[in-house]
Amino acid sequence: MITHSTYQIQMNSSSISTSNGLTRVFAAAVVSRQFCKMLLSDPITALQNGYLGETFRLSHEEHNLLISIHAENLADLARQVNKALQR
């Protein structure tokens, strides 16, 4: 049986490292079409404004990565972020 604790341990030991801030950015973009459009067209403003009153805790590198990518859609943004993180 997989419990919440087991899941947390498995996630923490995963070889793929994704910050909670990046995860929250993508979650907000998935649930909010308006936030997604802003993230794609004006990522600086989107990250400054946050989503539903919450800001995103991103490292400087993550922030710079998100604002440097020019993506056509959310899938393209995710693909480019993933590629950059694998380097």
N, C-alpha and C. Protein backbone atom coordinates (compact mmCIF):
# COMPACT_ATOMS: atom_id res chain seq x y z
N MET A 1 0.83 -1.17 0.00
CA MET A 1 0.00 0.00 0.00
C MET A 1 0.89 1.25 0.00
N ILE A 2 0.58 2.17 -0.89
CA ILE A 2 1.35 3.41 -0.96
C ILE A 2 0.62 4.48 -0.14
N THR A 3 1.29 4.96 0.86
CA THR A 3 0.73 6.01 1.70
C THR A 3 1.30 7.35 1.27
N HIS A 4 0.78 8.41 1.84
CA HIS A 4 1.28 9.76 1.54
C HIS A 4 2.76 9.85 1.89
N SER A 5 3.18 9.25 3.00
CA SER A 5 4.58 9.29 3.41
C SER A 5 5.47 8.56 2.40
N THR A 6 5.00 7.42 1.91
CA THR A 6 5.77 6.68 0.91
C THR A 6 5.91 7.50 -0.36
N TYR A 7 4.82 8.13 -0.76
CA TYR A 7 4.85 8.95 -1.96
C TYR A 7 5.84 10.09 -1.80
N GLN A 8 5.85 10.75 -0.66
CA GLN A 8 6.77 11.85 -0.41
C GLN A 8 8.22 11.38 -0.49
N ILE A 9 8.51 10.23 0.09
CA ILE A 9 9.87 9.70 0.05
C ILE A 9 10.27 9.40 -1.39
N GLN A 10 9.38 8.80 -2.15
CA GLN A 10 9.68 8.49 -3.53
C GLN A 10 9.91 9.75 -4.34
N MET A 11 9.12 10.77 -4.12
CA MET A 11 9.27 12.03 -4.84
C MET A 11 10.57 12.72 -4.46
N ASN A 12 10.92 12.69 -3.18
CA ASN A 12 12.13 13.35 -2.72
C ASN A 12 13.39 12.67 -3.22
N SER A 13 13.32 11.39 -3.45
CA SER A 13 14.50 10.68 -3.91
C SER A 13 14.56 10.57 -5.43
N SER A 14 13.61 11.15 -6.11
CA SER A 14 13.58 11.10 -7.55
C SER A 14 14.80 11.79 -8.15
N SER A 15 15.27 11.26 -9.28
CA SER A 15 16.43 11.86 -9.94
C SER A 15 16.04 13.13 -10.68
N ILE A 16 14.76 13.34 -10.91
CA ILE A 16 14.31 14.56 -11.57
C ILE A 16 14.01 15.59 -10.50
N SER A 17 14.68 16.71 -10.60
CA SER A 17 14.54 17.75 -9.59
C SER A 17 13.73 18.91 -10.15
N THR A 18 12.60 19.18 -9.56
CA THR A 18 11.76 20.30 -9.95
C THR A 18 11.41 21.06 -8.68
N SER A 19 11.62 22.35 -8.71
CA SER A 19 11.31 23.13 -7.51
C SER A 19 9.81 23.26 -7.33
N ASN A 20 9.41 23.48 -6.11
CA ASN A 20 8.02 23.70 -5.80
C ASN A 20 7.52 24.94 -6.53
N GLY A 21 8.37 25.96 -6.66
CA GLY A 21 7.98 27.18 -7.35
C GLY A 21 7.64 26.94 -8.80
N LEU A 22 8.47 26.18 -9.50
CA LEU A 22 8.18 25.86 -10.90
C LEU A 22 6.92 25.03 -11.03
N THR A 23 6.77 24.09 -10.13
CA THR A 23 5.56 23.26 -10.14
C THR A 23 4.33 24.12 -9.98
N ARG A 24 4.38 25.09 -9.08
CA ARG A 24 3.23 25.97 -8.85
C ARG A 24 2.96 26.88 -10.04
N VAL A 25 4.01 27.34 -10.70
CA VAL A 25 3.82 28.17 -11.90
C VAL A 25 3.05 27.38 -12.95
N PHE A 26 3.50 26.15 -13.21
CA PHE A 26 2.83 25.34 -14.23
C PHE A 26 1.43 24.93 -13.80
N ALA A 27 1.22 24.68 -12.53
CA ALA A 27 -0.13 24.35 -12.05
C ALA A 27 -1.07 25.53 -12.27
N ALA A 28 -0.61 26.73 -11.96
CA ALA A 28 -1.43 27.93 -12.16
C ALA A 28 -1.75 28.11 -13.64
N ALA A 29 -0.78 27.86 -14.50
CA ALA A 29 -0.99 28.01 -15.94
C ALA A 29 -1.98 26.98 -16.48
N VAL A 30 -1.99 25.80 -15.89
CA VAL A 30 -2.91 24.75 -16.33
C VAL A 30 -4.35 25.09 -15.93
N VAL A 31 -4.54 25.62 -14.73
CA VAL A 31 -5.91 25.86 -14.25
C VAL A 31 -6.46 27.23 -14.64
N SER A 32 -5.60 28.14 -15.05
CA SER A 32 -6.07 29.48 -15.39
C SER A 32 -5.60 29.89 -16.78
N ARG A 33 -6.56 29.95 -17.69
CA ARG A 33 -6.24 30.36 -19.05
C ARG A 33 -5.66 31.78 -19.07
N GLN A 34 -6.20 32.65 -18.22
CA GLN A 34 -5.73 34.03 -18.16
C GLN A 34 -4.26 34.08 -17.69
N PHE A 35 -3.94 33.34 -16.62
CA PHE A 35 -2.56 33.32 -16.14
C PHE A 35 -1.63 32.72 -17.20
N CYS A 36 -2.08 31.68 -17.87
CA CYS A 36 -1.27 31.04 -18.90
C CYS A 36 -0.95 32.03 -20.02
N LYS A 37 -1.95 32.75 -20.48
CA LYS A 37 -1.73 33.74 -21.54
C LYS A 37 -0.73 34.80 -21.09
N MET A 38 -0.85 35.24 -19.84
CA MET A 38 0.06 36.24 -19.32
C MET A 38 1.47 35.67 -19.21
N LEU A 39 1.59 34.44 -18.74
CA LEU A 39 2.90 33.81 -18.61
C LEU A 39 3.60 33.70 -19.96
N LEU A 40 2.84 33.40 -21.00
CA LEU A 40 3.42 33.26 -22.33
C LEU A 40 3.73 34.60 -22.98
N SER A 41 2.89 35.60 -22.74
CA SER A 41 3.08 36.89 -23.41
C SER A 41 3.91 37.89 -22.61
N ASP A 42 3.80 37.83 -21.29
CA ASP A 42 4.53 38.77 -20.42
C ASP A 42 4.92 38.06 -19.13
N PRO A 43 5.92 37.17 -19.21
CA PRO A 43 6.27 36.36 -18.05
C PRO A 43 6.73 37.17 -16.84
N ILE A 44 7.36 38.32 -17.07
CA ILE A 44 7.82 39.13 -15.94
C ILE A 44 6.62 39.57 -15.11
N THR A 45 5.60 40.09 -15.76
CA THR A 45 4.40 40.53 -15.04
C THR A 45 3.68 39.35 -14.40
N ALA A 46 3.58 38.24 -15.13
CA ALA A 46 2.90 37.06 -14.58
C ALA A 46 3.58 36.59 -13.31
N LEU A 47 4.90 36.53 -13.31
CA LEU A 47 5.62 36.07 -12.13
C LEU A 47 5.56 37.09 -10.99
N GLN A 48 5.56 38.37 -11.32
CA GLN A 48 5.46 39.40 -10.28
C GLN A 48 4.08 39.38 -9.63
N ASN A 49 3.04 39.21 -10.45
CA ASN A 49 1.67 39.24 -9.93
C ASN A 49 1.30 37.96 -9.19
N GLY A 50 1.90 36.85 -9.59
CA GLY A 50 1.55 35.59 -8.97
C GLY A 50 0.18 35.11 -9.41
N TYR A 51 -0.40 34.23 -8.62
CA TYR A 51 -1.70 33.68 -8.95
C TYR A 51 -2.54 33.58 -7.68
N LEU A 52 -3.72 34.15 -7.74
CA LEU A 52 -4.66 34.16 -6.61
C LEU A 52 -4.01 34.71 -5.33
N GLY A 53 -3.23 35.76 -5.50
CA GLY A 53 -2.61 36.42 -4.36
C GLY A 53 -1.34 35.78 -3.84
N GLU A 54 -0.92 34.68 -4.42
CA GLU A 54 0.30 34.01 -3.99
C GLU A 54 1.39 34.21 -5.02
N THR A 55 2.58 34.54 -4.54
CA THR A 55 3.72 34.66 -5.45
C THR A 55 4.44 33.33 -5.51
N PHE A 56 5.30 33.20 -6.48
CA PHE A 56 6.02 31.95 -6.70
C PHE A 56 7.43 32.07 -6.14
N ARG A 57 7.85 31.08 -5.39
CA ARG A 57 9.21 31.06 -4.84
C ARG A 57 10.14 30.38 -5.84
N LEU A 58 10.78 31.21 -6.63
CA LEU A 58 11.68 30.72 -7.66
C LEU A 58 13.10 31.17 -7.37
N SER A 59 14.05 30.34 -7.72
CA SER A 59 15.45 30.77 -7.64
C SER A 59 15.66 31.81 -8.74
N HIS A 60 16.76 32.53 -8.65
CA HIS A 60 17.08 33.51 -9.68
C HIS A 60 17.22 32.82 -11.04
N GLU A 61 17.81 31.65 -11.04
CA GLU A 61 18.00 30.90 -12.28
C GLU A 61 16.66 30.49 -12.88
N GLU A 62 15.74 30.01 -12.04
CA GLU A 62 14.42 29.61 -12.52
C GLU A 62 13.66 30.81 -13.07
N HIS A 63 13.72 31.92 -12.33
CA HIS A 63 13.04 33.14 -12.77
C HIS A 63 13.60 33.59 -14.12
N ASN A 64 14.93 33.65 -14.22
CA ASN A 64 15.56 34.08 -15.46
C ASN A 64 15.24 33.13 -16.62
N LEU A 65 15.18 31.85 -16.33
CA LEU A 65 14.84 30.88 -17.35
C LEU A 65 13.43 31.13 -17.88
N LEU A 66 12.47 31.28 -16.98
CA LEU A 66 11.08 31.49 -17.40
C LEU A 66 10.90 32.78 -18.20
N ILE A 67 11.60 33.82 -17.83
CA ILE A 67 11.41 35.08 -18.55
C ILE A 67 12.20 35.11 -19.86
N SER A 68 13.15 34.20 -20.03
CA SER A 68 13.95 34.19 -21.25
C SER A 68 13.35 33.34 -22.36
N ILE A 69 12.41 32.49 -22.03
CA ILE A 69 11.83 31.57 -23.01
C ILE A 69 10.68 32.25 -23.75
N HIS A 70 10.70 32.07 -25.06
CA HIS A 70 9.60 32.56 -25.90
C HIS A 70 8.89 31.33 -26.45
N ALA A 71 7.75 31.02 -25.85
CA ALA A 71 7.02 29.82 -26.22
C ALA A 71 5.68 30.18 -26.83
N GLU A 72 5.22 29.32 -27.72
CA GLU A 72 3.93 29.52 -28.39
C GLU A 72 2.76 29.06 -27.52
N ASN A 73 3.00 28.05 -26.68
CA ASN A 73 1.94 27.50 -25.85
C ASN A 73 2.56 26.88 -24.60
N LEU A 74 1.72 26.41 -23.69
CA LEU A 74 2.21 25.88 -22.43
C LEU A 74 3.06 24.62 -22.62
N ALA A 75 2.67 23.77 -23.55
CA ALA A 75 3.46 22.57 -23.82
C ALA A 75 4.86 22.93 -24.31
N ASP A 76 4.94 23.92 -25.16
CA ASP A 76 6.23 24.38 -25.66
C ASP A 76 7.08 24.95 -24.52
N LEU A 77 6.45 25.72 -23.64
CA LEU A 77 7.16 26.28 -22.48
C LEU A 77 7.69 25.15 -21.60
N ALA A 78 6.85 24.18 -21.31
CA ALA A 78 7.27 23.05 -20.47
C ALA A 78 8.42 22.28 -21.11
N ARG A 79 8.35 22.08 -22.41
CA ARG A 79 9.40 21.36 -23.14
C ARG A 79 10.73 22.12 -23.04
N GLN A 80 10.69 23.43 -23.23
CA GLN A 80 11.90 24.24 -23.18
C GLN A 80 12.49 24.30 -21.77
N VAL A 81 11.63 24.42 -20.76
CA VAL A 81 12.10 24.42 -19.38
C VAL A 81 12.74 23.08 -19.05
N ASN A 82 12.08 22.01 -19.41
CA ASN A 82 12.61 20.67 -19.15
C ASN A 82 13.98 20.49 -19.82
N LYS A 83 14.09 20.92 -21.06
CA LYS A 83 15.35 20.80 -21.78
C LYS A 83 16.46 21.59 -21.09
N ALA A 84 16.14 22.80 -20.64
CA ALA A 84 17.13 23.64 -19.95
C ALA A 84 17.55 23.03 -18.61
N LEU A 85 16.62 22.41 -17.91
CA LEU A 85 16.93 21.82 -16.60
C LEU A 85 17.76 20.54 -16.73
N GLN A 86 17.72 19.91 -17.88
CA GLN A 86 18.49 18.67 -18.07
C GLN A 86 19.94 18.92 -18.41
N ARG A 87 20.30 20.16 -18.68
CA ARG A 87 21.69 20.46 -19.04
C ARG A 87 22.58 20.38 -17.84
